[in-house]
Amino acid sequence: MARKTNLMLIGVLLSVVLVACSSSATTTAETIPVTSTTMVLICDPPEHLDCAGANLTSADLTLANLTGANLTGAKLAGATLWGTNLTNANLTGADLQFANLTGANLTGATMPDGTVHD
């Protein structure tokens, strides 16, 4: 039961993050009513998710699929990115101070200093 609850919470968080980061979003994550959030157990973000400059400080993005995401200048300080798929993501200028990247897939990701991870 606890695992199902955790997966549901991850689904809610990711759906809010996706709405907050999408280029067509017109409201902030704080103004989105919980009743309008669709909970799914598998999150498949749109291709080329644009979260440039997003404030994701202390966000729990455990096991999220952020393949190819634009996280340029994003504030990810203290974020949990455990097991997150960041393949080919752009993290140029992102704040990763105290972020937990344990087990994250950074293949082809552009790191905050502009280098590309192997």
PDB file of N, CA and C in Angstrom:
ATOM      1  N   MET A   1       0.824  -1.197   0.000  1.00  0.00           N
ATOM      2  CA  MET A   1       0.000   0.000   0.000  1.00  0.00           C
ATOM      3  C   MET A   1       0.867   1.258   0.000  1.00  0.00           C
ATOM      4  N   ALA A   2       1.967   1.244   0.795  1.00  0.00           N
ATOM      5  CA  ALA A   2       2.840   2.417   0.860  1.00  0.00           C
ATOM      6  C   ALA A   2       3.481   2.688  -0.499  1.00  0.00           C
ATOM      7  N   ARG A   3       3.878   1.628  -1.225  1.00  0.00           N
ATOM      8  CA  ARG A   3       4.492   1.814  -2.545  1.00  0.00           C
ATOM      9  C   ARG A   3       3.501   2.450  -3.517  1.00  0.00           C
ATOM     10  N   LYS A   4       2.234   1.996  -3.474  1.00  0.00           N
ATOM     11  CA  LYS A   4       1.213   2.550  -4.359  1.00  0.00           C
ATOM     12  C   LYS A   4       0.995   4.031  -4.036  1.00  0.00           C
ATOM     13  N   THR A   5       0.967   4.368  -2.743  1.00  0.00           N
ATOM     14  CA  THR A   5       0.798   5.768  -2.344  1.00  0.00           C
ATOM     15  C   THR A   5       1.973   6.601  -2.816  1.00  0.00           C
ATOM     16  N   ASN A   6       3.204   6.078  -2.673  1.00  0.00           N
ATOM     17  CA  ASN A   6       4.383   6.805  -3.127  1.00  0.00           C
ATOM     18  C   ASN A   6       4.341   7.021  -4.634  1.00  0.00           C
ATOM     19  N   LEU A   7       3.939   6.013  -5.386  1.00  0.00           N
ATOM     20  CA  LEU A   7       3.851   6.158  -6.841  1.00  0.00           C
ATOM     21  C   LEU A   7       2.801   7.194  -7.227  1.00  0.00           C
ATOM     22  N   MET A   8       1.697   7.220  -6.488  1.00  0.00           N
ATOM     23  CA  MET A   8       0.654   8.206  -6.771  1.00  0.00           C
ATOM     24  C   MET A   8       1.171   9.612  -6.477  1.00  0.00           C
ATOM     25  N   LEU A   9       1.901   9.777  -5.386  1.00  0.00           N
ATOM     26  CA  LEU A   9       2.452  11.093  -5.053  1.00  0.00           C
ATOM     27  C   LEU A   9       3.461  11.537  -6.091  1.00  0.00           C
ATOM     28  N   ILE A  10       4.291  10.603  -6.572  1.00  0.00           N
ATOM     29  CA  ILE A  10       5.243  10.930  -7.627  1.00  0.00           C
ATOM     30  C   ILE A  10       4.496  11.358  -8.887  1.00  0.00           C
ATOM     31  N   GLY A  11       3.419  10.648  -9.221  1.00  0.00           N
ATOM     32  CA  GLY A  11       2.618  11.010 -10.397  1.00  0.00           C
ATOM     33  C   GLY A  11       2.024  12.399 -10.274  1.00  0.00           C
ATOM     34  N   VAL A  12       1.528  12.748  -9.082  1.00  0.00           N
ATOM     35  CA  VAL A  12       0.959  14.085  -8.859  1.00  0.00           C
ATOM     36  C   VAL A  12       2.045  15.136  -8.987  1.00  0.00           C
ATOM     37  N   LEU A  13       3.199  14.919  -8.339  1.00  0.00           N
ATOM     38  CA  LEU A  13       4.291  15.882  -8.397  1.00  0.00           C
ATOM     39  C   LEU A  13       4.757  16.090  -9.823  1.00  0.00           C
ATOM     40  N   LEU A  14       4.963  15.002 -10.565  1.00  0.00           N
ATOM     41  CA  LEU A  14       5.439  15.141 -11.932  1.00  0.00           C
ATOM     42  C   LEU A  14       4.417  15.829 -12.822  1.00  0.00           C
ATOM     43  N   SER A  15       3.131  15.574 -12.617  1.00  0.00           N
ATOM     44  CA  SER A  15       2.137  16.247 -13.443  1.00  0.00           C
ATOM     45  C   SER A  15       2.115  17.738 -13.146  1.00  0.00           C
ATOM     46  N   VAL A  16       2.328  18.119 -11.889  1.00  0.00           N
ATOM     47  CA  VAL A  16       2.397  19.543 -11.541  1.00  0.00           C
ATOM     48  C   VAL A  16       3.653  20.158 -12.128  1.00  0.00           C
ATOM     49  N   VAL A  17       4.794  19.457 -12.041  1.00  0.00           N
ATOM     50  CA  VAL A  17       6.038  19.958 -12.613  1.00  0.00           C
ATOM     51  C   VAL A  17       5.900  20.114 -14.113  1.00  0.00           C
ATOM     52  N   LEU A  18       5.298  19.137 -14.786  1.00  0.00           N
ATOM     53  CA  LEU A  18       5.132  19.225 -16.233  1.00  0.00           C
ATOM     54  C   LEU A  18       4.261  20.405 -16.616  1.00  0.00           C
ATOM     55  N   VAL A  19       3.201  20.661 -15.872  1.00  0.00           N
ATOM     56  CA  VAL A  19       2.343  21.814 -16.160  1.00  0.00           C
ATOM     57  C   VAL A  19       3.105  23.091 -15.907  1.00  0.00           C
ATOM     58  N   ALA A  20       3.840  23.153 -14.791  1.00  0.00           N
ATOM     59  CA  ALA A  20       4.571  24.360 -14.422  1.00  0.00           C
ATOM     60  C   ALA A  20       5.702  24.642 -15.397  1.00  0.00           C
ATOM     61  N   CYS A  21       6.280  23.608 -16.004  1.00  0.00           N
ATOM     62  CA  CYS A  21       7.428  23.784 -16.889  1.00  0.00           C
ATOM     63  C   CYS A  21       7.061  23.902 -18.354  1.00  0.00           C
ATOM     64  N   SER A  22       5.869  23.523 -18.731  1.00  0.00           N
ATOM     65  CA  SER A  22       5.540  23.533 -20.155  1.00  0.00           C
ATOM     66  C   SER A  22       5.551  24.958 -20.687  1.00  0.00           C
ATOM     67  N   SER A  23       5.930  25.105 -21.918  1.00  0.00           N
ATOM     68  CA  SER A  23       6.052  26.438 -22.491  1.00  0.00           C
ATOM     69  C   SER A  23       4.707  27.127 -22.643  1.00  0.00           C
ATOM     70  N   SER A  24       3.601  26.389 -22.573  1.00  0.00           N
ATOM     71  CA  SER A  24       2.289  27.002 -22.721  1.00  0.00           C
ATOM     72  C   SER A  24       1.572  27.194 -21.391  1.00  0.00           C
ATOM     73  N   ALA A  25       2.253  26.917 -20.272  1.00  0.00           N
ATOM     74  CA  ALA A  25       1.615  27.066 -18.958  1.00  0.00           C
ATOM     75  C   ALA A  25       1.331  28.542 -18.687  1.00  0.00           C
ATOM     76  N   THR A  26       0.145  28.823 -18.135  1.00  0.00           N
ATOM     77  CA  THR A  26      -0.214  30.198 -17.831  1.00  0.00           C
ATOM     78  C   THR A  26      -0.382  30.423 -16.332  1.00  0.00           C
ATOM     79  N   THR A  27      -0.244  29.367 -15.529  1.00  0.00           N
ATOM     80  CA  THR A  27      -0.350  29.507 -14.089  1.00  0.00           C
ATOM     81  C   THR A  27       0.848  28.856 -13.432  1.00  0.00           C
ATOM     82  N   THR A  28       1.097  29.202 -12.189  1.00  0.00           N
ATOM     83  CA  THR A  28       2.193  28.579 -11.465  1.00  0.00           C
ATOM     84  C   THR A  28       1.690  27.324 -10.781  1.00  0.00           C
ATOM     85  N   ALA A  29       2.623  26.501 -10.354  1.00  0.00           N
ATOM     86  CA  ALA A  29       2.265  25.239  -9.699  1.00  0.00           C
ATOM     87  C   ALA A  29       1.435  25.493  -8.453  1.00  0.00           C
ATOM     88  N   GLU A  30       1.649  26.625  -7.772  1.00  0.00           N
ATOM     89  CA  GLU A  30       0.918  26.912  -6.546  1.00  0.00           C
ATOM     90  C   GLU A  30      -0.563  27.196  -6.791  1.00  0.00           C
ATOM     91  N   THR A  31      -0.942  27.575  -7.998  1.00  0.00           N
ATOM     92  CA  THR A  31      -2.336  27.935  -8.253  1.00  0.00           C
ATOM     93  C   THR A  31      -3.131  26.825  -8.936  1.00  0.00           C
ATOM     94  N   ILE A  32      -2.512  25.693  -9.162  1.00  0.00           N
ATOM     95  CA  ILE A  32      -3.202  24.595  -9.828  1.00  0.00           C
ATOM     96  C   ILE A  32      -3.972  23.802  -8.781  1.00  0.00           C
ATOM     97  N   PRO A  33      -5.300  23.738  -8.874  1.00  0.00           N
ATOM     98  CA  PRO A  33      -6.056  22.971  -7.881  1.00  0.00           C
ATOM     99  C   PRO A  33      -5.764  21.481  -8.001  1.00  0.00           C
ATOM    100  N   VAL A  34      -5.656  20.823  -6.862  1.00  0.00           N
ATOM    101  CA  VAL A  34      -5.337  19.396  -6.840  1.00  0.00           C
ATOM    102  C   VAL A  34      -6.392  18.594  -7.585  1.00  0.00           C
ATOM    103  N   THR A  35      -7.631  19.033  -7.561  1.00  0.00           N
ATOM    104  CA  THR A  35      -8.707  18.276  -8.199  1.00  0.00           C
ATOM    105  C   THR A  35      -8.559  18.222  -9.711  1.00  0.00           C
ATOM    106  N   SER A  36      -7.768  19.127 -10.301  1.00  0.00           N
ATOM    107  CA  SER A  36      -7.615  19.113 -11.754  1.00  0.00           C
ATOM    108  C   SER A  36      -6.423  18.281 -12.197  1.00  0.00           C
ATOM    109  N   THR A  37      -5.669  17.723 -11.259  1.00  0.00           N
ATOM    110  CA  THR A  37      -4.484  16.950 -11.591  1.00  0.00           C
ATOM    111  C   THR A  37      -4.864  15.498 -11.867  1.00  0.00           C
ATOM    112  N   THR A  38      -4.443  14.993 -12.991  1.00  0.00           N
ATOM    113  CA  THR A  38      -4.679  13.599 -13.334  1.00  0.00           C
ATOM    114  C   THR A  38      -3.525  12.775 -12.801  1.00  0.00           C
ATOM    115  N   MET A  39      -3.842  11.745 -12.010  1.00  0.00           N
ATOM    116  CA  MET A  39      -2.792  10.906 -11.454  1.00  0.00           C
ATOM    117  C   MET A  39      -2.557   9.723 -12.382  1.00  0.00           C
ATOM    118  N   VAL A  40      -1.299   9.540 -12.737  1.00  0.00           N
ATOM    119  CA  VAL A  40      -0.909   8.388 -13.532  1.00  0.00           C
ATOM    120  C   VAL A  40       0.299   7.749 -12.873  1.00  0.00           C
ATOM    121  N   LEU A  41       0.450   6.450 -13.020  1.00  0.00           N
ATOM    122  CA  LEU A  41       1.580   5.772 -12.420  1.00  0.00           C
ATOM    123  C   LEU A  41       2.806   5.802 -13.315  1.00  0.00           C
ATOM    124  N   ILE A  42       2.617   6.019 -14.607  1.00  0.00           N
ATOM    125  CA  ILE A  42       3.739   6.105 -15.525  1.00  0.00           C
ATOM    126  C   ILE A  42       3.729   7.500 -16.135  1.00  0.00           C
ATOM    127  N   CYS A  43       4.824   8.214 -15.922  1.00  0.00           N
ATOM    128  CA  CYS A  43       4.913   9.579 -16.449  1.00  0.00           C
ATOM    129  C   CYS A  43       5.788   9.568 -17.694  1.00  0.00           C
ATOM    130  N   ASP A  44       5.243   9.979 -18.791  1.00  0.00           N
ATOM    131  CA  ASP A  44       5.985  10.061 -20.034  1.00  0.00           C
ATOM    132  C   ASP A  44       5.920  11.510 -20.497  1.00  0.00           C
ATOM    133  N   PRO A  45       6.914  12.338 -20.076  1.00  0.00           N
ATOM    134  CA  PRO A  45       6.850  13.752 -20.419  1.00  0.00           C
ATOM    135  C   PRO A  45       6.937  13.978 -21.920  1.00  0.00           C
ATOM    136  N   PRO A  46       6.422  15.104 -22.365  1.00  0.00           N
ATOM    137  CA  PRO A  46       6.493  15.411 -23.799  1.00  0.00           C
ATOM    138  C   PRO A  46       7.946  15.537 -24.243  1.00  0.00           C
ATOM    139  N   GLU A  47       8.180  15.261 -25.501  1.00  0.00           N
ATOM    140  CA  GLU A  47       9.529  15.392 -26.031  1.00  0.00           C
ATOM    141  C   GLU A  47       9.976  16.841 -25.893  1.00  0.00           C
ATOM    142  N   HIS A  48      11.210  17.025 -25.478  1.00  0.00           N
ATOM    143  CA  HIS A  48      11.814  18.357 -25.323  1.00  0.00           C
ATOM    144  C   HIS A  48      11.090  19.205 -24.270  1.00  0.00           C
ATOM    145  N   LEU A  49      10.853  18.623 -23.099  1.00  0.00           N
ATOM    146  CA  LEU A  49      10.263  19.338 -21.977  1.00  0.00           C
ATOM    147  C   LEU A  49      11.073  20.594 -21.706  1.00  0.00           C
ATOM    148  N   ASP A  50      10.421  21.753 -21.614  1.00  0.00           N
ATOM    149  CA  ASP A  50      11.117  23.015 -21.419  1.00  0.00           C
ATOM    150  C   ASP A  50      10.906  23.516 -19.999  1.00  0.00           C
ATOM    151  N   CYS A  51      11.926  23.345 -19.163  1.00  0.00           N
ATOM    152  CA  CYS A  51      11.897  23.829 -17.781  1.00  0.00           C
ATOM    153  C   CYS A  51      13.008  24.853 -17.568  1.00  0.00           C
ATOM    154  N   ALA A  52      13.386  25.568 -18.621  1.00  0.00           N
ATOM    155  CA  ALA A  52      14.457  26.560 -18.513  1.00  0.00           C
ATOM    156  C   ALA A  52      14.078  27.598 -17.467  1.00  0.00           C
ATOM    157  N   GLY A  53      14.987  27.801 -16.506  1.00  0.00           N
ATOM    158  CA  GLY A  53      14.780  28.809 -15.471  1.00  0.00           C
ATOM    159  C   GLY A  53      13.774  28.412 -14.398  1.00  0.00           C
ATOM    160  N   ALA A  54      13.252  27.198 -14.439  1.00  0.00           N
ATOM    161  CA  ALA A  54      12.226  26.771 -13.474  1.00  0.00           C
ATOM    162  C   ALA A  54      12.810  26.678 -12.064  1.00  0.00           C
ATOM    163  N   ASN A  55      11.990  27.000 -11.075  1.00  0.00           N
ATOM    164  CA  ASN A  55      12.403  26.865  -9.678  1.00  0.00           C
ATOM    165  C   ASN A  55      11.932  25.499  -9.182  1.00  0.00           C
ATOM    166  N   LEU A  56      12.836  24.535  -9.173  1.00  0.00           N
ATOM    167  CA  LEU A  56      12.548  23.181  -8.719  1.00  0.00           C
ATOM    168  C   LEU A  56      13.367  22.868  -7.464  1.00  0.00           C
ATOM    169  N   THR A  57      13.652  23.909  -6.689  1.00  0.00           N
ATOM    170  CA  THR A  57      14.421  23.767  -5.458  1.00  0.00           C
ATOM    171  C   THR A  57      13.767  22.735  -4.550  1.00  0.00           C
ATOM    172  N   SER A  58      14.551  21.777  -4.100  1.00  0.00           N
ATOM    173  CA  SER A  58      14.123  20.706  -3.187  1.00  0.00           C
ATOM    174  C   SER A  58      13.029  19.799  -3.756  1.00  0.00           C
ATOM    175  N   ALA A  59      12.807  19.832  -5.058  1.00  0.00           N
ATOM    176  CA  ALA A  59      11.791  18.967  -5.676  1.00  0.00           C
ATOM    177  C   ALA A  59      12.232  17.509  -5.612  1.00  0.00           C
ATOM    178  N   ASP A  60      11.275  16.600  -5.475  1.00  0.00           N
ATOM    179  CA  ASP A  60      11.554  15.172  -5.493  1.00  0.00           C
ATOM    180  C   ASP A  60      11.221  14.654  -6.885  1.00  0.00           C
ATOM    181  N   LEU A  61      12.251  14.450  -7.682  1.00  0.00           N
ATOM    182  CA  LEU A  61      12.081  13.970  -9.057  1.00  0.00           C
ATOM    183  C   LEU A  61      12.638  12.554  -9.189  1.00  0.00           C
ATOM    184  N   THR A  62      12.523  11.781  -8.125  1.00  0.00           N
ATOM    185  CA  THR A  62      12.994  10.410  -8.092  1.00  0.00           C
ATOM    186  C   THR A  62      12.403   9.606  -9.243  1.00  0.00           C
ATOM    187  N   LEU A  63      13.288   8.968 -10.012  1.00  0.00           N
ATOM    188  CA  LEU A  63      12.927   8.084 -11.129  1.00  0.00           C
ATOM    189  C   LEU A  63      12.168   8.774 -12.265  1.00  0.00           C
ATOM    190  N   ALA A  64      12.193  10.091 -12.310  1.00  0.00           N
ATOM    191  CA  ALA A  64      11.520  10.821 -13.392  1.00  0.00           C
ATOM    192  C   ALA A  64      12.246  10.593 -14.718  1.00  0.00           C
ATOM    193  N   ASN A  65      11.503  10.631 -15.810  1.00  0.00           N
ATOM    194  CA  ASN A  65      12.082  10.536 -17.142  1.00  0.00           C
ATOM    195  C   ASN A  65      12.151  11.944 -17.721  1.00  0.00           C
ATOM    196  N   LEU A  66      13.328  12.547 -17.640  1.00  0.00           N
ATOM    197  CA  LEU A  66      13.526  13.905 -18.148  1.00  0.00           C
ATOM    198  C   LEU A  66      14.471  13.880 -19.354  1.00  0.00           C
ATOM    199  N   THR A  67      14.372  12.844 -20.150  1.00  0.00           N
ATOM    200  CA  THR A  67      15.201  12.699 -21.343  1.00  0.00           C
ATOM    201  C   THR A  67      15.024  13.908 -22.257  1.00  0.00           C
ATOM    202  N   GLY A  68      16.135  14.541 -22.613  1.00  0.00           N
ATOM    203  CA  GLY A  68      16.108  15.671 -23.537  1.00  0.00           C
ATOM    204  C   GLY A  68      15.522  16.950 -22.969  1.00  0.00           C
ATOM    205  N   ALA A  69      15.271  17.005 -21.676  1.00  0.00           N
ATOM    206  CA  ALA A  69      14.654  18.195 -21.074  1.00  0.00           C
ATOM    207  C   ALA A  69      15.593  19.395 -21.127  1.00  0.00           C
ATOM    208  N   ASN A  70      15.014  20.569 -21.314  1.00  0.00           N
ATOM    209  CA  ASN A  70      15.770  21.812 -21.251  1.00  0.00           C
ATOM    210  C   ASN A  70      15.663  22.341 -19.824  1.00  0.00           C
ATOM    211  N   LEU A  71      16.723  22.167 -19.056  1.00  0.00           N
ATOM    212  CA  LEU A  71      16.776  22.627 -17.673  1.00  0.00           C
ATOM    213  C   LEU A  71      17.798  23.747 -17.528  1.00  0.00           C
ATOM    214  N   THR A  72      18.018  24.491 -18.616  1.00  0.00           N
ATOM    215  CA  THR A  72      18.974  25.584 -18.614  1.00  0.00           C
ATOM    216  C   THR A  72      18.619  26.599 -17.532  1.00  0.00           C
ATOM    217  N   GLY A  73      19.566  26.863 -16.639  1.00  0.00           N
ATOM    218  CA  GLY A  73      19.358  27.846 -15.590  1.00  0.00           C
ATOM    219  C   GLY A  73      18.335  27.463 -14.533  1.00  0.00           C
ATOM    220  N   ALA A  74      17.897  26.207 -14.540  1.00  0.00           N
ATOM    221  CA  ALA A  74      16.900  25.762 -13.552  1.00  0.00           C
ATOM    222  C   ALA A  74      17.509  25.723 -12.159  1.00  0.00           C
ATOM    223  N   LYS A  75      16.683  26.008 -11.178  1.00  0.00           N
ATOM    224  CA  LYS A  75      17.109  25.965  -9.778  1.00  0.00           C
ATOM    225  C   LYS A  75      16.739  24.591  -9.223  1.00  0.00           C
ATOM    226  N   LEU A  76      17.735  23.706  -9.131  1.00  0.00           N
ATOM    227  CA  LEU A  76      17.538  22.345  -8.653  1.00  0.00           C
ATOM    228  C   LEU A  76      18.292  22.107  -7.345  1.00  0.00           C
ATOM    229  N   ALA A  77      18.614  23.181  -6.634  1.00  0.00           N
ATOM    230  CA  ALA A  77      19.353  23.063  -5.373  1.00  0.00           C
ATOM    231  C   ALA A  77      18.569  22.201  -4.394  1.00  0.00           C
ATOM    232  N   GLY A  78      19.237  21.184  -3.846  1.00  0.00           N
ATOM    233  CA  GLY A  78      18.603  20.315  -2.869  1.00  0.00           C
ATOM    234  C   GLY A  78      17.581  19.346  -3.449  1.00  0.00           C
ATOM    235  N   ALA A  79      17.457  19.304  -4.762  1.00  0.00           N
ATOM    236  CA  ALA A  79      16.476  18.413  -5.397  1.00  0.00           C
ATOM    237  C   ALA A  79      16.934  16.961  -5.306  1.00  0.00           C
ATOM    238  N   THR A  80      15.982  16.053  -5.258  1.00  0.00           N
ATOM    239  CA  THR A  80      16.272  14.628  -5.277  1.00  0.00           C
ATOM    240  C   THR A  80      16.049  14.125  -6.698  1.00  0.00           C
ATOM    241  N   LEU A  81      17.143  13.762  -7.338  1.00  0.00           N
ATOM    242  CA  LEU A  81      17.109  13.276  -8.717  1.00  0.00           C
ATOM    243  C   LEU A  81      17.592  11.830  -8.752  1.00  0.00           C
ATOM    244  N   TRP A  82      17.282  11.083  -7.696  1.00  0.00           N
ATOM    245  CA  TRP A  82      17.719   9.705  -7.568  1.00  0.00           C
ATOM    246  C   TRP A  82      17.114   8.852  -8.687  1.00  0.00           C
ATOM    247  N   GLY A  83      17.999   8.256  -9.487  1.00  0.00           N
ATOM    248  CA  GLY A  83      17.550   7.377 -10.565  1.00  0.00           C
ATOM    249  C   GLY A  83      16.862   8.098 -11.714  1.00  0.00           C
ATOM    250  N   THR A  84      16.924   9.407 -11.738  1.00  0.00           N
ATOM    251  CA  THR A  84      16.266  10.196 -12.783  1.00  0.00           C
ATOM    252  C   THR A  84      16.986  10.027 -14.118  1.00  0.00           C
ATOM    253  N   ASN A  85      16.232   9.904 -15.205  1.00  0.00           N
ATOM    254  CA  ASN A  85      16.812   9.780 -16.539  1.00  0.00           C
ATOM    255  C   ASN A  85      16.967  11.186 -17.115  1.00  0.00           C
ATOM    256  N   LEU A  86      18.212  11.652 -17.152  1.00  0.00           N
ATOM    257  CA  LEU A  86      18.538  12.975 -17.695  1.00  0.00           C
ATOM    258  C   LEU A  86      19.336  12.849 -18.992  1.00  0.00           C
ATOM    259  N   THR A  87      19.145  11.745 -19.708  1.00  0.00           N
ATOM    260  CA  THR A  87      19.844  11.521 -20.971  1.00  0.00           C
ATOM    261  C   THR A  87      19.592  12.692 -21.920  1.00  0.00           C
ATOM    262  N   ASN A  88      20.680  13.272 -22.428  1.00  0.00           N
ATOM    263  CA  ASN A  88      20.631  14.392 -23.379  1.00  0.00           C
ATOM    264  C   ASN A  88      19.923  15.637 -22.845  1.00  0.00           C
ATOM    265  N   ALA A  89      19.766  15.746 -21.544  1.00  0.00           N
ATOM    266  CA  ALA A  89      19.158  16.952 -20.959  1.00  0.00           C
ATOM    267  C   ALA A  89      20.168  18.095 -20.993  1.00  0.00           C
ATOM    268  N   ASN A  90      19.658  19.317 -21.041  1.00  0.00           N
ATOM    269  CA  ASN A  90      20.519  20.494 -21.024  1.00  0.00           C
ATOM    270  C   ASN A  90      20.436  21.128 -19.642  1.00  0.00           C
ATOM    271  N   LEU A  91      21.523  21.012 -18.873  1.00  0.00           N
ATOM    272  CA  LEU A  91      21.602  21.554 -17.518  1.00  0.00           C
ATOM    273  C   LEU A  91      22.526  22.774 -17.451  1.00  0.00           C
ATOM    274  N   THR A  92      22.790  23.396 -18.596  1.00  0.00           N
ATOM    275  CA  THR A  92      23.695  24.536 -18.637  1.00  0.00           C
ATOM    276  C   THR A  92      23.236  25.618 -17.657  1.00  0.00           C
ATOM    277  N   GLY A  93      24.142  26.005 -16.761  1.00  0.00           N
ATOM    278  CA  GLY A  93      23.840  27.060 -15.796  1.00  0.00           C
ATOM    279  C   GLY A  93      22.871  26.664 -14.692  1.00  0.00           C
ATOM    280  N   ALA A  94      22.487  25.390 -14.626  1.00  0.00           N
ATOM    281  CA  ALA A  94      21.548  24.942 -13.594  1.00  0.00           C
ATOM    282  C   ALA A  94      22.240  24.925 -12.234  1.00  0.00           C
ATOM    283  N   ASP A  95      21.478  25.212 -11.180  1.00  0.00           N
ATOM    284  CA  ASP A  95      21.989  25.165  -9.816  1.00  0.00           C
ATOM    285  C   ASP A  95      21.706  23.782  -9.253  1.00  0.00           C
ATOM    286  N   LEU A  96      22.754  22.967  -9.126  1.00  0.00           N
ATOM    287  CA  LEU A  96      22.626  21.608  -8.609  1.00  0.00           C
ATOM    288  C   LEU A  96      23.243  21.474  -7.218  1.00  0.00           C
ATOM    289  N   GLN A  97      23.458  22.601  -6.539  1.00  0.00           N
ATOM    290  CA  GLN A  97      24.076  22.563  -5.217  1.00  0.00           C
ATOM    291  C   GLN A  97      23.247  21.694  -4.268  1.00  0.00           C
ATOM    292  N   PHE A  98      23.886  20.722  -3.658  1.00  0.00           N
ATOM    293  CA  PHE A  98      23.276  19.780  -2.717  1.00  0.00           C
ATOM    294  C   PHE A  98      22.185  18.893  -3.345  1.00  0.00           C
ATOM    295  N   ALA A  99      22.106  18.844  -4.680  1.00  0.00           N
ATOM    296  CA  ALA A  99      21.149  17.945  -5.336  1.00  0.00           C
ATOM    297  C   ALA A  99      21.666  16.512  -5.227  1.00  0.00           C
ATOM    298  N   ASN A 100      20.760  15.557  -5.087  1.00  0.00           N
ATOM    299  CA  ASN A 100      21.122  14.144  -5.006  1.00  0.00           C
ATOM    300  C   ASN A 100      20.927  13.517  -6.374  1.00  0.00           C
ATOM    301  N   LEU A 101      22.039  13.204  -7.036  1.00  0.00           N
ATOM    302  CA  LEU A 101      22.015  12.621  -8.377  1.00  0.00           C
ATOM    303  C   LEU A 101      22.397  11.143  -8.354  1.00  0.00           C
ATOM    304  N   THR A 102      22.260  10.500  -7.203  1.00  0.00           N
ATOM    305  CA  THR A 102      22.609   9.091  -7.071  1.00  0.00           C
ATOM    306  C   THR A 102      21.827   8.252  -8.089  1.00  0.00           C
ATOM    307  N   GLY A 103      22.547   7.518  -8.919  1.00  0.00           N
ATOM    308  CA  GLY A 103      21.918   6.628  -9.884  1.00  0.00           C
ATOM    309  C   GLY A 103      21.276   7.317 -11.073  1.00  0.00           C
ATOM    310  N   ALA A 104      21.439   8.630 -11.189  1.00  0.00           N
ATOM    311  CA  ALA A 104      20.855   9.354 -12.327  1.00  0.00           C
ATOM    312  C   ALA A 104      21.609   9.005 -13.607  1.00  0.00           C
ATOM    313  N   ASN A 105      20.887   8.929 -14.725  1.00  0.00           N
ATOM    314  CA  ASN A 105      21.495   8.677 -16.025  1.00  0.00           C
ATOM    315  C   ASN A 105      21.769  10.028 -16.668  1.00  0.00           C
ATOM    316  N   LEU A 106      23.049  10.376 -16.779  1.00  0.00           N
ATOM    317  CA  LEU A 106      23.458  11.665 -17.335  1.00  0.00           C
ATOM    318  C   LEU A 106      24.108  11.515 -18.714  1.00  0.00           C
ATOM    319  N   THR A 107      23.892  10.393 -19.372  1.00  0.00           N
ATOM    320  CA  THR A 107      24.499  10.144 -20.678  1.00  0.00           C
ATOM    321  C   THR A 107      24.118  11.247 -21.667  1.00  0.00           C
ATOM    322  N   GLY A 108      25.124  11.921 -22.197  1.00  0.00           N
ATOM    323  CA  GLY A 108      24.894  12.965 -23.192  1.00  0.00           C
ATOM    324  C   GLY A 108      24.343  14.262 -22.635  1.00  0.00           C
ATOM    325  N   ALA A 109      24.200  14.349 -21.319  1.00  0.00           N
ATOM    326  CA  ALA A 109      23.655  15.574 -20.712  1.00  0.00           C
ATOM    327  C   ALA A 109      24.701  16.686 -20.725  1.00  0.00           C
ATOM    328  N   THR A 110      24.254  17.893 -21.001  1.00  0.00           N
ATOM    329  CA  THR A 110      25.123  19.052 -20.920  1.00  0.00           C
ATOM    330  C   THR A 110      25.076  19.554 -19.486  1.00  0.00           C
ATOM    331  N   MET A 111      26.223  19.531 -18.833  1.00  0.00           N
ATOM    332  CA  MET A 111      26.320  19.854 -17.418  1.00  0.00           C
ATOM    333  C   MET A 111      26.302  21.378 -17.204  1.00  0.00           C
ATOM    334  N   PRO A 112      26.146  21.829 -15.952  1.00  0.00           N
ATOM    335  CA  PRO A 112      26.049  23.260 -15.681  1.00  0.00           C
ATOM    336  C   PRO A 112      27.229  24.084 -16.233  1.00  0.00           C
ATOM    337  N   ASP A 113      28.422  23.487 -16.286  1.00  0.00           N
ATOM    338  CA  ASP A 113      29.582  24.214 -16.805  1.00  0.00           C
ATOM    339  C   ASP A 113      29.706  24.133 -18.335  1.00  0.00           C
ATOM    340  N   GLY A 114      28.746  23.475 -18.984  1.00  0.00           N
ATOM    341  CA  GLY A 114      28.743  23.386 -20.450  1.00  0.00           C
ATOM    342  C   GLY A 114      29.381  22.132 -21.006  1.00  0.00           C
ATOM    343  N   THR A 115      30.028  21.336 -20.151  1.00  0.00           N
ATOM    344  CA  THR A 115      30.631  20.094 -20.638  1.00  0.00           C
ATOM    345  C   THR A 115      29.545  19.039 -20.855  1.00  0.00           C
ATOM    346  N   VAL A 116      29.802  18.124 -21.772  1.00  0.00           N
ATOM    347  CA  VAL A 116      28.855  17.048 -22.054  1.00  0.00           C
ATOM    348  C   VAL A 116      29.311  15.804 -21.312  1.00  0.00           C
ATOM    349  N   HIS A 117      28.404  15.204 -20.548  1.00  0.00           N
ATOM    350  CA  HIS A 117      28.715  14.001 -19.764  1.00  0.00           C
ATOM    351  C   HIS A 117      28.790  12.799 -20.681  1.00  0.00           C
ATOM    352  N   ASP A 118      29.761  11.922 -20.425  1.00  0.00           N
ATOM    353  CA  ASP A 118      29.929  10.700 -21.245  1.00  0.00           C
ATOM    354  C   ASP A 118      28.808   9.738 -21.005  1.00  0.00           C
TER     355      ASP A 118
END
